[in-house]
């Protein structure tokens, strides 16, 4: 069973335990990844409004109650998969859950129930690729990353991304 504390520590490494208000962030004012726009009633805002830093226990409780419980993290056998799903749900809960559901072959409804948990656990307990397929998957991912880097370095090349990624995905078909 996945451990919330490990997942929370990884999330805090990703999010940072700080106040942020970047224009490019659609969530607006955030603390430790908690958006005031989307979570206006979080008790930590009382500390911030008073010029103080919310205790980490308040941040931890928020993430456990809102996101870890939503993904049924304690029922997922793979720590890595639980951590990734947890992080992606914090970033965009609906897309994070639906993407995982599509990957494990259940109806992508955006809600983690027993069928989703069982499918995640089955998928992570069984080898899903032959050695040849594993090499091709890694090769495909490497090319996807290469194409992404080219587009990030030369913005005019971003128009080529759809074709390039389609080519990279054909490697594993």
N, C-alpha and C. Protein backbone atom coordinates (compact mmCIF):
# COMPACT_ATOMS: atom_id res chain seq x y z
N UNK A 1 0.83 -1.18 0.00
CA UNK A 1 0.00 0.00 0.00
C UNK A 1 0.89 1.25 0.00
N UNK A 2 0.48 2.21 -0.77
CA UNK A 2 1.27 3.44 -0.89
C UNK A 2 1.22 4.24 0.41
N UNK A 3 2.30 4.94 0.67
CA UNK A 3 2.48 5.72 1.89
C UNK A 3 2.27 7.21 1.58
N UNK A 4 1.27 7.80 2.23
CA UNK A 4 0.97 9.22 2.01
C UNK A 4 2.17 10.11 2.33
N UNK A 5 2.88 9.84 3.40
CA UNK A 5 3.99 10.71 3.82
C UNK A 5 5.07 10.79 2.74
N UNK A 6 5.36 9.67 2.10
CA UNK A 6 6.35 9.69 1.01
C UNK A 6 5.82 10.49 -0.17
N UNK A 7 4.55 10.29 -0.50
CA UNK A 7 3.95 11.02 -1.61
C UNK A 7 3.89 12.51 -1.31
N UNK A 8 3.57 12.86 -0.07
CA UNK A 8 3.50 14.27 0.33
C UNK A 8 4.88 14.92 0.25
N UNK A 9 5.91 14.22 0.71
CA UNK A 9 7.27 14.76 0.64
C UNK A 9 7.68 15.02 -0.81
N UNK A 10 7.38 14.08 -1.69
CA UNK A 10 7.71 14.28 -3.10
C UNK A 10 6.93 15.47 -3.67
N UNK A 11 5.66 15.59 -3.32
CA UNK A 11 4.85 16.69 -3.81
C UNK A 11 5.41 18.03 -3.33
N UNK A 12 5.83 18.10 -2.08
CA UNK A 12 6.37 19.36 -1.55
C UNK A 12 7.70 19.70 -2.24
N UNK A 13 8.46 18.68 -2.63
CA UNK A 13 9.67 18.94 -3.42
C UNK A 13 9.31 19.57 -4.77
N UNK A 14 8.21 19.10 -5.36
CA UNK A 14 7.77 19.62 -6.65
C UNK A 14 7.15 21.02 -6.52
N UNK A 15 6.29 21.19 -5.55
CA UNK A 15 5.53 22.44 -5.40
C UNK A 15 6.32 23.53 -4.69
N UNK A 16 7.12 23.13 -3.73
CA UNK A 16 7.82 24.11 -2.90
C UNK A 16 6.90 24.61 -1.80
N UNK A 17 7.44 24.82 -0.63
CA UNK A 17 6.64 25.30 0.50
C UNK A 17 6.85 26.80 0.58
N UNK A 18 6.16 27.49 -0.33
CA UNK A 18 6.33 28.93 -0.44
C UNK A 18 5.07 29.56 -1.02
N UNK A 19 4.98 30.86 -0.88
CA UNK A 19 3.89 31.63 -1.45
C UNK A 19 4.29 32.06 -2.85
N UNK A 20 3.37 31.93 -3.79
CA UNK A 20 3.64 32.27 -5.18
C UNK A 20 2.44 32.99 -5.77
N UNK A 21 2.72 33.95 -6.65
CA UNK A 21 1.64 34.65 -7.34
C UNK A 21 2.11 35.05 -8.73
N UNK A 22 2.44 34.05 -9.54
CA UNK A 22 2.93 34.30 -10.90
C UNK A 22 1.77 34.58 -11.84
N UNK A 23 1.95 35.56 -12.71
CA UNK A 23 0.90 35.90 -13.68
C UNK A 23 0.55 34.72 -14.57
N UNK A 24 1.53 33.92 -14.92
CA UNK A 24 1.30 32.80 -15.83
C UNK A 24 0.55 31.65 -15.18
N UNK A 25 0.43 31.66 -13.86
CA UNK A 25 -0.25 30.58 -13.15
C UNK A 25 -1.74 30.89 -13.07
N UNK A 26 -2.56 30.08 -13.75
CA UNK A 26 -4.00 30.31 -13.75
C UNK A 26 -4.63 30.15 -12.36
N UNK A 27 -3.92 29.50 -11.46
CA UNK A 27 -4.42 29.34 -10.10
C UNK A 27 -4.24 30.59 -9.25
N UNK A 28 -3.46 31.55 -9.76
CA UNK A 28 -3.25 32.78 -9.02
C UNK A 28 -2.40 32.56 -7.78
N UNK A 29 -2.76 33.22 -6.70
CA UNK A 29 -2.02 33.13 -5.45
C UNK A 29 -2.06 31.69 -4.94
N UNK A 30 -0.88 31.15 -4.69
CA UNK A 30 -0.79 29.77 -4.20
C UNK A 30 0.20 29.70 -3.04
N UNK A 31 -0.04 28.76 -2.18
CA UNK A 31 0.93 28.43 -1.12
C UNK A 31 1.12 26.93 -1.16
N UNK A 32 2.37 26.50 -1.32
CA UNK A 32 2.70 25.07 -1.37
C UNK A 32 1.82 24.33 -2.38
N UNK A 33 1.49 25.03 -3.47
CA UNK A 33 0.68 24.42 -4.53
C UNK A 33 -0.81 24.51 -4.31
N UNK A 34 -1.25 25.10 -3.21
CA UNK A 34 -2.68 25.23 -2.92
C UNK A 34 -3.14 26.58 -3.47
N UNK A 35 -4.03 26.55 -4.43
CA UNK A 35 -4.51 27.76 -5.10
C UNK A 35 -5.64 28.42 -4.33
N UNK A 36 -5.48 29.70 -4.08
CA UNK A 36 -6.56 30.43 -3.40
C UNK A 36 -7.79 30.50 -4.30
N UNK A 37 -7.57 30.59 -5.60
CA UNK A 37 -8.68 30.67 -6.55
C UNK A 37 -9.57 29.43 -6.45
N UNK A 38 -8.96 28.27 -6.33
CA UNK A 38 -9.72 27.02 -6.32
C UNK A 38 -10.01 26.48 -4.92
N UNK A 39 -9.28 26.98 -3.92
CA UNK A 39 -9.45 26.49 -2.54
C UNK A 39 -9.48 27.68 -1.59
N UNK A 40 -10.42 28.58 -1.83
CA UNK A 40 -10.53 29.83 -1.06
C UNK A 40 -10.82 29.59 0.42
N UNK A 41 -11.39 28.47 0.77
CA UNK A 41 -11.78 28.22 2.16
C UNK A 41 -10.73 27.45 2.95
N UNK A 42 -9.57 27.20 2.36
CA UNK A 42 -8.50 26.50 3.07
C UNK A 42 -8.08 27.34 4.27
N UNK A 43 -7.96 26.72 5.43
CA UNK A 43 -7.64 27.45 6.66
C UNK A 43 -6.27 28.10 6.65
N UNK A 44 -5.39 27.65 5.81
CA UNK A 44 -4.05 28.24 5.73
C UNK A 44 -4.06 29.69 5.27
N UNK A 45 -5.10 30.07 4.53
CA UNK A 45 -5.17 31.47 4.07
C UNK A 45 -5.30 32.43 5.25
N UNK A 46 -5.88 31.99 6.36
CA UNK A 46 -5.97 32.84 7.55
C UNK A 46 -4.58 33.22 8.06
N UNK A 47 -3.66 32.27 8.05
CA UNK A 47 -2.27 32.54 8.46
C UNK A 47 -1.62 33.53 7.49
N UNK A 48 -1.78 33.27 6.20
CA UNK A 48 -1.15 34.12 5.18
C UNK A 48 -1.70 35.53 5.25
N UNK A 49 -3.00 35.66 5.42
CA UNK A 49 -3.63 36.99 5.53
C UNK A 49 -3.11 37.75 6.75
N UNK A 50 -2.71 37.02 7.78
CA UNK A 50 -2.18 37.65 8.99
C UNK A 50 -0.67 37.87 8.91
N UNK A 51 -0.08 37.53 7.76
CA UNK A 51 1.35 37.73 7.58
C UNK A 51 2.21 36.61 8.12
N UNK A 52 1.60 35.47 8.39
CA UNK A 52 2.33 34.32 8.95
C UNK A 52 2.39 33.19 7.92
N UNK A 53 3.18 32.20 8.22
CA UNK A 53 3.30 31.01 7.38
C UNK A 53 2.45 29.90 7.97
N UNK A 54 1.59 29.29 7.17
CA UNK A 54 0.77 28.18 7.70
C UNK A 54 1.66 27.02 8.16
N UNK A 55 1.31 26.39 9.27
CA UNK A 55 2.06 25.21 9.71
C UNK A 55 1.98 24.11 8.65
N UNK A 56 3.05 23.37 8.52
CA UNK A 56 3.09 22.28 7.53
C UNK A 56 1.99 21.25 7.79
N UNK A 57 1.60 21.07 9.04
CA UNK A 57 0.54 20.10 9.35
C UNK A 57 -0.79 20.49 8.68
N UNK A 58 -1.04 21.79 8.52
CA UNK A 58 -2.27 22.24 7.85
C UNK A 58 -2.20 21.94 6.35
N UNK A 59 -1.01 22.13 5.78
CA UNK A 59 -0.80 21.80 4.37
C UNK A 59 -0.96 20.29 4.17
N UNK A 60 -0.32 19.52 5.04
CA UNK A 60 -0.37 18.05 4.96
C UNK A 60 -1.82 17.56 5.07
N UNK A 61 -2.57 18.09 6.04
CA UNK A 61 -3.96 17.66 6.23
C UNK A 61 -4.81 17.99 5.01
N UNK A 62 -4.58 19.17 4.42
CA UNK A 62 -5.31 19.54 3.21
C UNK A 62 -5.07 18.52 2.10
N UNK A 63 -3.81 18.23 1.82
CA UNK A 63 -3.50 17.31 0.73
C UNK A 63 -4.01 15.90 1.01
N UNK A 64 -3.93 15.47 2.26
CA UNK A 64 -4.44 14.14 2.59
C UNK A 64 -5.96 14.09 2.37
N UNK A 65 -6.68 15.07 2.90
CA UNK A 65 -8.14 15.08 2.84
C UNK A 65 -8.67 15.32 1.42
N UNK A 66 -8.07 16.24 0.71
CA UNK A 66 -8.61 16.62 -0.59
C UNK A 66 -8.14 15.70 -1.72
N UNK A 67 -6.86 15.42 -1.79
CA UNK A 67 -6.34 14.69 -2.95
C UNK A 67 -6.00 13.22 -2.68
N UNK A 68 -5.32 12.92 -1.57
CA UNK A 68 -4.95 11.53 -1.30
C UNK A 68 -6.19 10.66 -1.13
N UNK A 69 -7.16 11.17 -0.41
CA UNK A 69 -8.41 10.44 -0.23
C UNK A 69 -9.12 10.26 -1.57
N UNK A 70 -9.13 11.31 -2.40
CA UNK A 70 -9.79 11.26 -3.70
C UNK A 70 -9.24 10.13 -4.58
N UNK A 71 -7.91 9.94 -4.54
CA UNK A 71 -7.32 8.91 -5.40
C UNK A 71 -7.24 7.55 -4.71
N UNK A 72 -7.70 7.48 -3.45
CA UNK A 72 -7.63 6.25 -2.66
C UNK A 72 -6.18 5.74 -2.61
N UNK A 73 -5.31 6.69 -2.36
CA UNK A 73 -3.87 6.39 -2.38
C UNK A 73 -3.45 5.24 -1.50
N UNK A 74 -4.09 5.10 -0.33
CA UNK A 74 -3.72 4.03 0.59
C UNK A 74 -4.09 2.65 0.04
N UNK A 75 -4.91 2.58 -1.01
CA UNK A 75 -5.30 1.30 -1.60
C UNK A 75 -4.46 0.94 -2.82
N UNK A 76 -3.64 1.87 -3.28
CA UNK A 76 -2.79 1.62 -4.46
C UNK A 76 -1.52 0.94 -4.00
N UNK A 77 -1.20 -0.19 -4.62
CA UNK A 77 -0.04 -0.97 -4.19
C UNK A 77 1.29 -0.33 -4.57
N UNK A 78 1.37 0.30 -5.72
CA UNK A 78 2.63 0.87 -6.19
C UNK A 78 2.82 2.28 -5.64
N UNK A 79 3.89 2.47 -4.89
CA UNK A 79 4.19 3.79 -4.34
C UNK A 79 4.42 4.80 -5.47
N UNK A 80 5.20 4.41 -6.48
CA UNK A 80 5.49 5.33 -7.59
C UNK A 80 4.24 5.75 -8.32
N UNK A 81 3.37 4.81 -8.61
CA UNK A 81 2.13 5.13 -9.33
C UNK A 81 1.25 6.03 -8.48
N UNK A 82 1.13 5.74 -7.20
CA UNK A 82 0.32 6.58 -6.31
C UNK A 82 0.88 8.00 -6.25
N UNK A 83 2.20 8.12 -6.16
CA UNK A 83 2.82 9.45 -6.10
C UNK A 83 2.57 10.24 -7.38
N UNK A 84 2.70 9.59 -8.51
CA UNK A 84 2.49 10.27 -9.80
C UNK A 84 1.03 10.68 -9.94
N UNK A 85 0.12 9.78 -9.64
CA UNK A 85 -1.31 10.10 -9.74
C UNK A 85 -1.67 11.24 -8.78
N UNK A 86 -1.17 11.20 -7.58
CA UNK A 86 -1.39 12.24 -6.58
C UNK A 86 -0.91 13.59 -7.11
N UNK A 87 0.30 13.64 -7.62
CA UNK A 87 0.86 14.88 -8.14
C UNK A 87 0.08 15.41 -9.33
N UNK A 88 -0.29 14.54 -10.24
CA UNK A 88 -1.03 14.97 -11.42
C UNK A 88 -2.43 15.46 -11.05
N UNK A 89 -3.02 14.86 -10.03
CA UNK A 89 -4.35 15.31 -9.59
C UNK A 89 -4.27 16.67 -8.93
N UNK A 90 -3.18 16.95 -8.23
CA UNK A 90 -2.99 18.28 -7.66
C UNK A 90 -2.90 19.30 -8.79
N UNK A 91 -2.21 18.93 -9.86
CA UNK A 91 -2.06 19.83 -11.00
C UNK A 91 -3.37 20.01 -11.75
N UNK A 92 -4.10 18.93 -11.96
CA UNK A 92 -5.39 18.99 -12.65
C UNK A 92 -6.11 17.68 -12.37
N UNK A 93 -6.91 17.68 -11.31
CA UNK A 93 -7.47 16.42 -10.81
C UNK A 93 -8.22 15.62 -11.86
N UNK A 94 -9.07 16.27 -12.63
CA UNK A 94 -9.87 15.55 -13.61
C UNK A 94 -8.99 14.89 -14.68
N UNK A 95 -8.08 15.66 -15.25
CA UNK A 95 -7.20 15.11 -16.29
C UNK A 95 -6.28 14.04 -15.72
N UNK A 96 -5.79 14.25 -14.50
CA UNK A 96 -4.90 13.27 -13.89
C UNK A 96 -5.58 11.93 -13.70
N UNK A 97 -6.79 11.95 -13.20
CA UNK A 97 -7.52 10.70 -12.97
C UNK A 97 -7.94 10.06 -14.28
N UNK A 98 -8.51 10.84 -15.19
CA UNK A 98 -8.98 10.27 -16.46
C UNK A 98 -7.83 9.69 -17.27
N UNK A 99 -6.68 10.32 -17.25
CA UNK A 99 -5.53 9.78 -17.99
C UNK A 99 -5.14 8.42 -17.41
N UNK A 100 -5.08 8.33 -16.08
CA UNK A 100 -4.73 7.05 -15.46
C UNK A 100 -5.79 6.00 -15.78
N UNK A 101 -7.05 6.38 -15.74
CA UNK A 101 -8.11 5.42 -16.04
C UNK A 101 -7.99 4.90 -17.47
N UNK A 102 -7.68 5.77 -18.41
CA UNK A 102 -7.51 5.30 -19.79
C UNK A 102 -6.33 4.35 -19.90
N UNK A 103 -5.26 4.66 -19.20
CA UNK A 103 -4.06 3.81 -19.25
C UNK A 103 -4.33 2.42 -18.71
N UNK A 104 -5.12 2.32 -17.64
CA UNK A 104 -5.36 1.01 -17.02
C UNK A 104 -6.62 0.33 -17.55
N UNK A 105 -7.31 0.97 -18.49
CA UNK A 105 -8.40 0.31 -19.19
C UNK A 105 -9.75 0.31 -18.51
N UNK A 106 -10.06 1.35 -17.74
CA UNK A 106 -11.40 1.47 -17.17
C UNK A 106 -12.06 2.73 -17.72
N UNK A 107 -13.35 2.85 -17.49
CA UNK A 107 -14.08 4.01 -17.98
C UNK A 107 -13.49 5.27 -17.34
N UNK A 108 -13.15 6.23 -18.19
CA UNK A 108 -12.52 7.47 -17.72
C UNK A 108 -13.59 8.46 -17.28
N UNK A 109 -14.04 8.30 -16.04
CA UNK A 109 -15.09 9.17 -15.51
C UNK A 109 -14.56 10.23 -14.54
N UNK A 110 -13.27 10.18 -14.24
CA UNK A 110 -12.67 11.17 -13.35
C UNK A 110 -12.88 10.90 -11.87
N UNK A 111 -13.39 9.73 -11.54
CA UNK A 111 -13.61 9.36 -10.14
C UNK A 111 -12.89 8.04 -9.86
N UNK A 112 -12.10 8.02 -8.81
CA UNK A 112 -11.37 6.81 -8.46
C UNK A 112 -12.21 5.98 -7.51
N UNK A 113 -12.72 4.89 -8.05
CA UNK A 113 -13.49 3.93 -7.25
C UNK A 113 -12.73 2.62 -7.17
N UNK A 114 -13.42 1.60 -6.67
CA UNK A 114 -12.80 0.29 -6.51
C UNK A 114 -12.32 -0.30 -7.85
N UNK A 115 -13.09 -0.08 -8.93
CA UNK A 115 -12.67 -0.62 -10.23
C UNK A 115 -11.39 0.03 -10.70
N UNK A 116 -11.26 1.33 -10.51
CA UNK A 116 -10.04 2.02 -10.93
C UNK A 116 -8.85 1.54 -10.09
N UNK A 117 -9.02 1.45 -8.78
CA UNK A 117 -7.94 0.99 -7.91
C UNK A 117 -7.53 -0.43 -8.30
N UNK A 118 -8.50 -1.30 -8.50
CA UNK A 118 -8.19 -2.68 -8.87
C UNK A 118 -7.44 -2.73 -10.21
N UNK A 119 -7.86 -1.92 -11.16
CA UNK A 119 -7.19 -1.89 -12.47
C UNK A 119 -5.77 -1.35 -12.34
N UNK A 120 -5.57 -0.33 -11.52
CA UNK A 120 -4.21 0.20 -11.30
C UNK A 120 -3.34 -0.88 -10.68
N UNK A 121 -3.86 -1.55 -9.67
CA UNK A 121 -3.07 -2.59 -9.00
C UNK A 121 -2.77 -3.76 -9.92
N UNK A 122 -3.73 -4.17 -10.73
CA UNK A 122 -3.47 -5.25 -11.70
C UNK A 122 -2.39 -4.83 -12.70
N UNK A 123 -2.51 -3.62 -13.20
CA UNK A 123 -1.57 -3.13 -14.22
C UNK A 123 -0.16 -3.01 -13.68
N UNK A 124 -0.02 -2.69 -12.41
CA UNK A 124 1.32 -2.51 -11.85
C UNK A 124 1.91 -3.79 -11.30
N UNK A 125 1.11 -4.84 -11.20
CA UNK A 125 1.61 -6.10 -10.68
C UNK A 125 2.03 -7.07 -11.77
N UNK A 126 1.59 -6.82 -12.98
CA UNK A 126 1.90 -7.73 -14.08
C UNK A 126 2.85 -7.07 -15.06
N UNK A 127 3.86 -7.81 -15.51
CA UNK A 127 4.70 -7.22 -16.55
C UNK A 127 3.84 -7.00 -17.80
N UNK A 128 3.90 -5.80 -18.34
CA UNK A 128 3.03 -5.48 -19.47
C UNK A 128 3.78 -5.40 -20.79
N UNK A 129 5.06 -5.65 -20.76
CA UNK A 129 5.82 -5.52 -21.99
C UNK A 129 6.89 -6.61 -22.08
N UNK A 130 7.10 -7.07 -23.28
CA UNK A 130 8.24 -7.95 -23.53
C UNK A 130 9.49 -7.08 -23.50
N UNK A 131 10.66 -7.68 -23.40
CA UNK A 131 11.88 -6.87 -23.47
C UNK A 131 11.95 -6.03 -24.75
N UNK A 132 11.50 -6.58 -25.87
CA UNK A 132 11.50 -5.83 -27.12
C UNK A 132 10.56 -4.61 -27.03
N UNK A 133 9.37 -4.82 -26.49
CA UNK A 133 8.41 -3.72 -26.34
C UNK A 133 8.94 -2.65 -25.39
N UNK A 134 9.61 -3.08 -24.32
CA UNK A 134 10.16 -2.13 -23.36
C UNK A 134 11.21 -1.24 -24.02
N UNK A 135 12.07 -1.82 -24.86
CA UNK A 135 13.06 -1.03 -25.58
C UNK A 135 12.37 -0.04 -26.51
N UNK A 136 11.35 -0.50 -27.21
CA UNK A 136 10.64 0.38 -28.14
C UNK A 136 9.89 1.50 -27.40
N UNK A 137 9.34 1.20 -26.24
CA UNK A 137 8.68 2.25 -25.46
C UNK A 137 9.68 3.32 -25.02
N UNK A 138 10.81 2.88 -24.53
CA UNK A 138 11.85 3.84 -24.12
C UNK A 138 12.35 4.65 -25.31
N UNK A 139 12.49 4.00 -26.44
CA UNK A 139 12.93 4.67 -27.67
C UNK A 139 11.90 5.72 -28.08
N UNK A 140 10.63 5.37 -28.02
CA UNK A 140 9.56 6.30 -28.34
C UNK A 140 9.56 7.51 -27.40
N UNK A 141 9.71 7.25 -26.13
CA UNK A 141 9.75 8.34 -25.15
C UNK A 141 10.96 9.24 -25.37
N UNK A 142 12.09 8.64 -25.71
CA UNK A 142 13.29 9.44 -25.96
C UNK A 142 13.09 10.36 -27.15
N UNK A 143 12.45 9.84 -28.19
CA UNK A 143 12.20 10.69 -29.36
C UNK A 143 11.18 11.78 -29.04
N UNK A 144 10.17 11.46 -28.25
CA UNK A 144 9.20 12.48 -27.83
C UNK A 144 9.90 13.60 -27.07
N UNK A 145 10.79 13.22 -26.17
CA UNK A 145 11.53 14.22 -25.40
C UNK A 145 12.43 15.05 -26.32
N UNK A 146 13.04 14.41 -27.28
CA UNK A 146 13.90 15.12 -28.24
C UNK A 146 13.09 16.13 -29.04
N UNK A 147 11.94 15.71 -29.53
CA UNK A 147 11.08 16.60 -30.31
C UNK A 147 10.60 17.78 -29.45
N UNK A 148 10.28 17.49 -28.21
CA UNK A 148 9.85 18.54 -27.30
C UNK A 148 10.98 19.57 -27.12
N UNK A 149 12.19 19.07 -26.91
CA UNK A 149 13.34 19.97 -26.71
C UNK A 149 13.58 20.84 -27.94
N UNK A 150 13.45 20.26 -29.11
CA UNK A 150 13.64 21.05 -30.33
C UNK A 150 12.61 22.18 -30.37
N UNK A 151 11.36 21.86 -30.12
CA UNK A 151 10.31 22.87 -30.13
C UNK A 151 10.47 23.92 -29.06
N UNK A 152 10.99 23.52 -27.92
CA UNK A 152 11.20 24.49 -26.84
C UNK A 152 12.36 25.43 -27.17
N UNK A 153 13.35 24.93 -27.89
CA UNK A 153 14.51 25.76 -28.25
C UNK A 153 14.26 26.61 -29.48
N UNK A 154 13.45 26.12 -30.40
CA UNK A 154 13.17 26.84 -31.64
C UNK A 154 11.65 26.88 -31.80
N UNK A 155 11.04 27.97 -31.37
CA UNK A 155 9.58 28.07 -31.33
C UNK A 155 8.93 27.84 -32.69
N UNK A 156 9.60 28.20 -33.77
CA UNK A 156 9.01 28.00 -35.09
C UNK A 156 8.83 26.52 -35.41
N UNK A 157 9.53 25.66 -34.71
CA UNK A 157 9.45 24.22 -34.97
C UNK A 157 8.27 23.56 -34.25
N UNK A 158 7.60 24.29 -33.36
CA UNK A 158 6.49 23.71 -32.61
C UNK A 158 5.35 23.26 -33.52
N UNK A 159 5.24 23.87 -34.68
CA UNK A 159 4.19 23.45 -35.62
C UNK A 159 4.41 22.01 -36.07
N UNK A 160 5.62 21.51 -35.94
CA UNK A 160 5.94 20.13 -36.34
C UNK A 160 5.63 19.10 -35.27
N UNK A 161 5.34 19.55 -34.05
CA UNK A 161 5.13 18.63 -32.95
C UNK A 161 4.09 17.54 -33.25
N UNK A 162 2.91 17.86 -33.75
CA UNK A 162 1.93 16.79 -33.96
C UNK A 162 2.46 15.65 -34.85
N UNK A 163 3.09 16.01 -35.93
CA UNK A 163 3.64 14.98 -36.82
C UNK A 163 4.79 14.22 -36.18
N UNK A 164 5.66 14.94 -35.51
CA UNK A 164 6.79 14.28 -34.86
C UNK A 164 6.32 13.31 -33.79
N UNK A 165 5.37 13.77 -32.95
CA UNK A 165 4.90 12.89 -31.89
C UNK A 165 4.12 11.70 -32.44
N UNK A 166 3.40 11.91 -33.52
CA UNK A 166 2.71 10.78 -34.15
C UNK A 166 3.74 9.74 -34.61
N UNK A 167 4.84 10.22 -35.17
CA UNK A 167 5.92 9.32 -35.61
C UNK A 167 6.50 8.57 -34.41
N UNK A 168 6.73 9.28 -33.31
CA UNK A 168 7.29 8.65 -32.12
C UNK A 168 6.34 7.60 -31.56
N UNK A 169 5.05 7.89 -31.60
CA UNK A 169 4.06 6.94 -31.08
C UNK A 169 3.93 5.71 -31.98
N UNK A 170 4.16 5.87 -33.25
CA UNK A 170 4.09 4.72 -34.18
C UNK A 170 5.19 3.70 -33.87
N UNK A 171 6.23 4.13 -33.21
CA UNK A 171 7.31 3.21 -32.85
C UNK A 171 6.76 2.07 -31.99
N UNK A 172 5.79 2.37 -31.14
CA UNK A 172 5.29 1.35 -30.21
C UNK A 172 3.98 0.71 -30.66
N UNK A 173 3.52 1.01 -31.87
CA UNK A 173 2.29 0.37 -32.35
C UNK A 173 2.55 -1.03 -32.77
